Amino acid sequence: MDSRYAQLAEVLCGFSTSLKKGEKVLIDAAEVPEEFVLALIRAARKHQAIPMVNLQRAR
């Protein structure tokens, strides 16, 4: 995995949104690399949030 994905995911889940334990977060990803979506899920879980994912792909 590209380390930049993990870094950006941590910034989004930590500084930008200040996720807290037990909070639900919707990751609505359209045309986003799957590696980045996985990084967001991992970062949300690290903050003990509950990630819910809506992954959309063009045909």
PDB file of N, CA and C in Angstrom:
ATOM      1  N   MET A   1       0.848  -1.183   0.000  1.00  0.00           N
ATOM      2  CA  MET A   1       0.000   0.000   0.000  1.00  0.00           C
ATOM      3  C   MET A   1       0.891   1.243   0.000  1.00  0.00           C
ATOM      4  N   ASP A   2       0.464   2.234  -0.728  1.00  0.00           N
ATOM      5  CA  ASP A   2       1.169   3.508  -0.792  1.00  0.00           C
ATOM      6  C   ASP A   2       1.059   4.186   0.576  1.00  0.00           C
ATOM      7  N   SER A   3       2.185   4.527   1.177  1.00  0.00           N
ATOM      8  CA  SER A   3       2.175   5.122   2.516  1.00  0.00           C
ATOM      9  C   SER A   3       1.445   6.464   2.544  1.00  0.00           C
ATOM     10  N   ARG A   4       1.334   7.125   1.394  1.00  0.00           N
ATOM     11  CA  ARG A   4       0.620   8.409   1.351  1.00  0.00           C
ATOM     12  C   ARG A   4      -0.869   8.219   1.622  1.00  0.00           C
ATOM     13  N   TYR A   5      -1.420   7.069   1.213  1.00  0.00           N
ATOM     14  CA  TYR A   5      -2.825   6.775   1.508  1.00  0.00           C
ATOM     15  C   TYR A   5      -3.039   6.702   3.017  1.00  0.00           C
ATOM     16  N   ALA A   6      -2.162   5.987   3.702  1.00  0.00           N
ATOM     17  CA  ALA A   6      -2.283   5.849   5.157  1.00  0.00           C
ATOM     18  C   ALA A   6      -2.136   7.204   5.850  1.00  0.00           C
ATOM     19  N   GLN A   7      -1.214   8.015   5.378  1.00  0.00           N
ATOM     20  CA  GLN A   7      -1.010   9.339   5.978  1.00  0.00           C
ATOM     21  C   GLN A   7      -2.233  10.226   5.784  1.00  0.00           C
ATOM     22  N   LEU A   8      -2.768  10.247   4.573  1.00  0.00           N
ATOM     23  CA  LEU A   8      -3.947  11.070   4.300  1.00  0.00           C
ATOM     24  C   LEU A   8      -5.152  10.563   5.082  1.00  0.00           C
ATOM     25  N   ALA A   9      -5.320   9.255   5.155  1.00  0.00           N
ATOM     26  CA  ALA A   9      -6.437   8.680   5.907  1.00  0.00           C
ATOM     27  C   ALA A   9      -6.350   9.068   7.378  1.00  0.00           C
ATOM     28  N   GLU A  10      -5.151   9.071   7.929  1.00  0.00           N
ATOM     29  CA  GLU A  10      -4.975   9.452   9.334  1.00  0.00           C
ATOM     30  C   GLU A  10      -5.321  10.926   9.538  1.00  0.00           C
ATOM     31  N   VAL A  11      -4.919  11.778   8.615  1.00  0.00           N
ATOM     32  CA  VAL A  11      -5.258  13.207   8.711  1.00  0.00           C
ATOM     33  C   VAL A  11      -6.773  13.386   8.648  1.00  0.00           C
ATOM     34  N   LEU A  12      -7.426  12.684   7.726  1.00  0.00           N
ATOM     35  CA  LEU A  12      -8.879  12.817   7.576  1.00  0.00           C
ATOM     36  C   LEU A  12      -9.630  12.313   8.806  1.00  0.00           C
ATOM     37  N   CYS A  13      -9.196  11.186   9.358  1.00  0.00           N
ATOM     38  CA  CYS A  13      -9.906  10.600  10.503  1.00  0.00           C
ATOM     39  C   CYS A  13      -9.517  11.246  11.826  1.00  0.00           C
ATOM     40  N   GLY A  14      -8.325  11.787  11.893  1.00  0.00           N
ATOM     41  CA  GLY A  14      -7.852  12.399  13.130  1.00  0.00           C
ATOM     42  C   GLY A  14      -8.109  13.889  13.171  1.00  0.00           C
ATOM     43  N   PHE A  15      -7.302  14.641  12.457  1.00  0.00           N
ATOM     44  CA  PHE A  15      -7.360  16.099  12.511  1.00  0.00           C
ATOM     45  C   PHE A  15      -8.624  16.677  11.881  1.00  0.00           C
ATOM     46  N   SER A  16      -8.962  16.228  10.683  1.00  0.00           N
ATOM     47  CA  SER A  16     -10.062  16.849   9.934  1.00  0.00           C
ATOM     48  C   SER A  16     -11.436  16.555  10.512  1.00  0.00           C
ATOM     49  N   THR A  17     -11.661  15.333  10.967  1.00  0.00           N
ATOM     50  CA  THR A  17     -12.995  14.963  11.459  1.00  0.00           C
ATOM     51  C   THR A  17     -13.034  14.645  12.946  1.00  0.00           C
ATOM     52  N   SER A  18     -11.887  14.466  13.567  1.00  0.00           N
ATOM     53  CA  SER A  18     -11.801  14.140  15.003  1.00  0.00           C
ATOM     54  C   SER A  18     -12.728  12.985  15.376  1.00  0.00           C
ATOM     55  N   LEU A  19     -12.624  11.884  14.649  1.00  0.00           N
ATOM     56  CA  LEU A  19     -13.465  10.722  14.951  1.00  0.00           C
ATOM     57  C   LEU A  19     -13.242  10.261  16.377  1.00  0.00           C
ATOM     58  N   LYS A  20     -14.327   9.837  16.988  1.00  0.00           N
ATOM     59  CA  LYS A  20     -14.271   9.365  18.369  1.00  0.00           C
ATOM     60  C   LYS A  20     -14.788   7.933  18.454  1.00  0.00           C
ATOM     61  N   LYS A  21     -14.503   7.302  19.562  1.00  0.00           N
ATOM     62  CA  LYS A  21     -14.916   5.923  19.798  1.00  0.00           C
ATOM     63  C   LYS A  21     -16.432   5.785  19.635  1.00  0.00           C
ATOM     64  N   GLY A  22     -16.828   4.792  18.840  1.00  0.00           N
ATOM     65  CA  GLY A  22     -18.242   4.493  18.659  1.00  0.00           C
ATOM     66  C   GLY A  22     -18.953   5.317  17.606  1.00  0.00           C
ATOM     67  N   GLU A  23     -18.314   6.353  17.081  1.00  0.00           N
ATOM     68  CA  GLU A  23     -18.950   7.155  16.033  1.00  0.00           C
ATOM     69  C   GLU A  23     -19.033   6.353  14.743  1.00  0.00           C
ATOM     70  N   LYS A  24     -20.127   6.529  14.030  1.00  0.00           N
ATOM     71  CA  LYS A  24     -20.282   5.896  12.725  1.00  0.00           C
ATOM     72  C   LYS A  24     -19.818   6.881  11.666  1.00  0.00           C
ATOM     73  N   VAL A  25     -19.080   6.371  10.693  1.00  0.00           N
ATOM     74  CA  VAL A  25     -18.592   7.218   9.609  1.00  0.00           C
ATOM     75  C   VAL A  25     -18.894   6.525   8.280  1.00  0.00           C
ATOM     76  N   LEU A  26     -19.504   7.268   7.364  1.00  0.00           N
ATOM     77  CA  LEU A  26     -19.804   6.744   6.039  1.00  0.00           C
ATOM     78  C   LEU A  26     -18.669   7.122   5.095  1.00  0.00           C
ATOM     79  N   ILE A  27     -18.077   6.120   4.500  1.00  0.00           N
ATOM     80  CA  ILE A  27     -17.053   6.325   3.483  1.00  0.00           C
ATOM     81  C   ILE A  27     -17.740   6.080   2.146  1.00  0.00           C
ATOM     82  N   ASP A  28     -18.087   7.154   1.467  1.00  0.00           N
ATOM     83  CA  ASP A  28     -18.800   7.081   0.191  1.00  0.00           C
ATOM     84  C   ASP A  28     -17.770   7.304  -0.910  1.00  0.00           C
ATOM     85  N   ALA A  29     -17.293   6.225  -1.496  1.00  0.00           N
ATOM     86  CA  ALA A  29     -16.172   6.292  -2.428  1.00  0.00           C
ATOM     87  C   ALA A  29     -16.611   5.979  -3.850  1.00  0.00           C
ATOM     88  N   ALA A  30     -16.427   6.943  -4.729  1.00  0.00           N
ATOM     89  CA  ALA A  30     -16.726   6.759  -6.149  1.00  0.00           C
ATOM     90  C   ALA A  30     -15.443   7.003  -6.935  1.00  0.00           C
ATOM     91  N   GLU A  31     -15.006   5.991  -7.649  1.00  0.00           N
ATOM     92  CA  GLU A  31     -13.792   6.099  -8.464  1.00  0.00           C
ATOM     93  C   GLU A  31     -12.567   6.467  -7.627  1.00  0.00           C
ATOM     94  N   VAL A  32     -12.466   5.853  -6.456  1.00  0.00           N
ATOM     95  CA  VAL A  32     -11.328   6.041  -5.557  1.00  0.00           C
ATOM     96  C   VAL A  32     -10.580   4.710  -5.501  1.00  0.00           C
ATOM     97  N   PRO A  33      -9.251   4.717  -5.507  1.00  0.00           N
ATOM     98  CA  PRO A  33      -8.521   3.452  -5.432  1.00  0.00           C
ATOM     99  C   PRO A  33      -8.909   2.641  -4.184  1.00  0.00           C
ATOM    100  N   GLU A  34      -9.079   1.341  -4.367  1.00  0.00           N
ATOM    101  CA  GLU A  34      -9.467   0.477  -3.250  1.00  0.00           C
ATOM    102  C   GLU A  34      -8.460   0.543  -2.111  1.00  0.00           C
ATOM    103  N   GLU A  35      -7.184   0.716  -2.437  1.00  0.00           N
ATOM    104  CA  GLU A  35      -6.155   0.824  -1.397  1.00  0.00           C
ATOM    105  C   GLU A  35      -6.430   2.013  -0.476  1.00  0.00           C
ATOM    106  N   PHE A  36      -6.907   3.111  -1.046  1.00  0.00           N
ATOM    107  CA  PHE A  36      -7.200   4.282  -0.220  1.00  0.00           C
ATOM    108  C   PHE A  36      -8.425   4.041   0.652  1.00  0.00           C
ATOM    109  N   VAL A  37      -9.425   3.372   0.102  1.00  0.00           N
ATOM    110  CA  VAL A  37     -10.617   3.039   0.892  1.00  0.00           C
ATOM    111  C   VAL A  37     -10.216   2.155   2.070  1.00  0.00           C
ATOM    112  N   LEU A  38      -9.354   1.172   1.827  1.00  0.00           N
ATOM    113  CA  LEU A  38      -8.873   0.313   2.914  1.00  0.00           C
ATOM    114  C   LEU A  38      -8.110   1.122   3.961  1.00  0.00           C
ATOM    115  N   ALA A  39      -7.309   2.075   3.517  1.00  0.00           N
ATOM    116  CA  ALA A  39      -6.577   2.928   4.457  1.00  0.00           C
ATOM    117  C   ALA A  39      -7.544   3.742   5.309  1.00  0.00           C
ATOM    118  N   LEU A  40      -8.627   4.231   4.707  1.00  0.00           N
ATOM    119  CA  LEU A  40      -9.636   4.981   5.470  1.00  0.00           C
ATOM    120  C   LEU A  40     -10.326   4.089   6.501  1.00  0.00           C
ATOM    121  N   ILE A  41     -10.647   2.866   6.110  1.00  0.00           N
ATOM    122  CA  ILE A  41     -11.280   1.924   7.040  1.00  0.00           C
ATOM    123  C   ILE A  41     -10.350   1.652   8.214  1.00  0.00           C
ATOM    124  N   ARG A  42      -9.086   1.386   7.925  1.00  0.00           N
ATOM    125  CA  ARG A  42      -8.116   1.102   8.994  1.00  0.00           C
ATOM    126  C   ARG A  42      -7.944   2.297   9.929  1.00  0.00           C
ATOM    127  N   ALA A  43      -7.873   3.495   9.361  1.00  0.00           N
ATOM    128  CA  ALA A  43      -7.709   4.694  10.189  1.00  0.00           C
ATOM    129  C   ALA A  43      -8.943   4.925  11.053  1.00  0.00           C
ATOM    130  N   ALA A  44     -10.126   4.703  10.498  1.00  0.00           N
ATOM    131  CA  ALA A  44     -11.356   4.868  11.282  1.00  0.00           C
ATOM    132  C   ALA A  44     -11.386   3.871  12.434  1.00  0.00           C
ATOM    133  N   ARG A  45     -11.011   2.632  12.165  1.00  0.00           N
ATOM    134  CA  ARG A  45     -10.981   1.614  13.223  1.00  0.00           C
ATOM    135  C   ARG A  45      -9.928   1.936  14.274  1.00  0.00           C
ATOM    136  N   LYS A  46      -8.812   2.506  13.840  1.00  0.00           N
ATOM    137  CA  LYS A  46      -7.763   2.913  14.781  1.00  0.00           C
ATOM    138  C   LYS A  46      -8.313   3.926  15.784  1.00  0.00           C
ATOM    139  N   HIS A  47      -9.221   4.769  15.324  1.00  0.00           N
ATOM    140  CA  HIS A  47      -9.858   5.763  16.191  1.00  0.00           C
ATOM    141  C   HIS A  47     -11.101   5.192  16.870  1.00  0.00           C
ATOM    142  N   GLN A  48     -11.297   3.891  16.737  1.00  0.00           N
ATOM    143  CA  GLN A  48     -12.409   3.147  17.334  1.00  0.00           C
ATOM    144  C   GLN A  48     -13.769   3.628  16.836  1.00  0.00           C
ATOM    145  N   ALA A  49     -13.785   4.137  15.617  1.00  0.00           N
ATOM    146  CA  ALA A  49     -15.041   4.514  14.973  1.00  0.00           C
ATOM    147  C   ALA A  49     -15.575   3.302  14.211  1.00  0.00           C
ATOM    148  N   ILE A  50     -16.793   3.417  13.725  1.00  0.00           N
ATOM    149  CA  ILE A  50     -17.443   2.327  13.003  1.00  0.00           C
ATOM    150  C   ILE A  50     -17.582   2.753  11.540  1.00  0.00           C
ATOM    151  N   PRO A  51     -16.700   2.246  10.670  1.00  0.00           N
ATOM    152  CA  PRO A  51     -16.772   2.635   9.258  1.00  0.00           C
ATOM    153  C   PRO A  51     -17.844   1.860   8.503  1.00  0.00           C
ATOM    154  N   MET A  52     -18.608   2.576   7.693  1.00  0.00           N
ATOM    155  CA  MET A  52     -19.583   1.975   6.782  1.00  0.00           C
ATOM    156  C   MET A  52     -19.183   2.441   5.388  1.00  0.00           C
ATOM    157  N   VAL A  53     -19.125   1.524   4.443  1.00  0.00           N
ATOM    158  CA  VAL A  53     -18.563   1.836   3.133  1.00  0.00           C
ATOM    159  C   VAL A  53     -19.597   1.681   2.031  1.00  0.00           C
ATOM    160  N   ASN A  54     -19.649   2.680   1.172  1.00  0.00           N
ATOM    161  CA  ASN A  54     -20.440   2.626  -0.054  1.00  0.00           C
ATOM    162  C   ASN A  54     -19.443   2.815  -1.193  1.00  0.00           C
ATOM    163  N   LEU A  55     -19.097   1.712  -1.862  1.00  0.00           N
ATOM    164  CA  LEU A  55     -18.095   1.738  -2.916  1.00  0.00           C
ATOM    165  C   LEU A  55     -18.791   1.684  -4.268  1.00  0.00           C
ATOM    166  N   GLN A  56     -18.557   2.687  -5.094  1.00  0.00           N
ATOM    167  CA  GLN A  56     -19.199   2.770  -6.409  1.00  0.00           C
ATOM    168  C   GLN A  56     -18.141   2.695  -7.497  1.00  0.00           C
ATOM    169  N   ARG A  57     -18.419   1.900  -8.509  1.00  0.00           N
ATOM    170  CA  ARG A  57     -17.505   1.741  -9.638  1.00  0.00           C
ATOM    171  C   ARG A  57     -18.243   2.023 -10.937  1.00  0.00           C
ATOM    172  N   ALA A  58     -17.567   2.686 -11.862  1.00  0.00           N
ATOM    173  CA  ALA A  58     -18.142   2.894 -13.194  1.00  0.00           C
ATOM    174  C   ALA A  58     -18.035   1.586 -13.969  1.00  0.00           C
ATOM    175  N   ARG A  59     -18.946   1.371 -14.856  1.00  0.00           N
ATOM    176  CA  ARG A  59     -18.920   0.122 -15.632  1.00  0.00           C
ATOM    177  C   ARG A  59     -18.069   0.233 -16.835  1.00  0.00           C
TER     178      ARG A  59
END
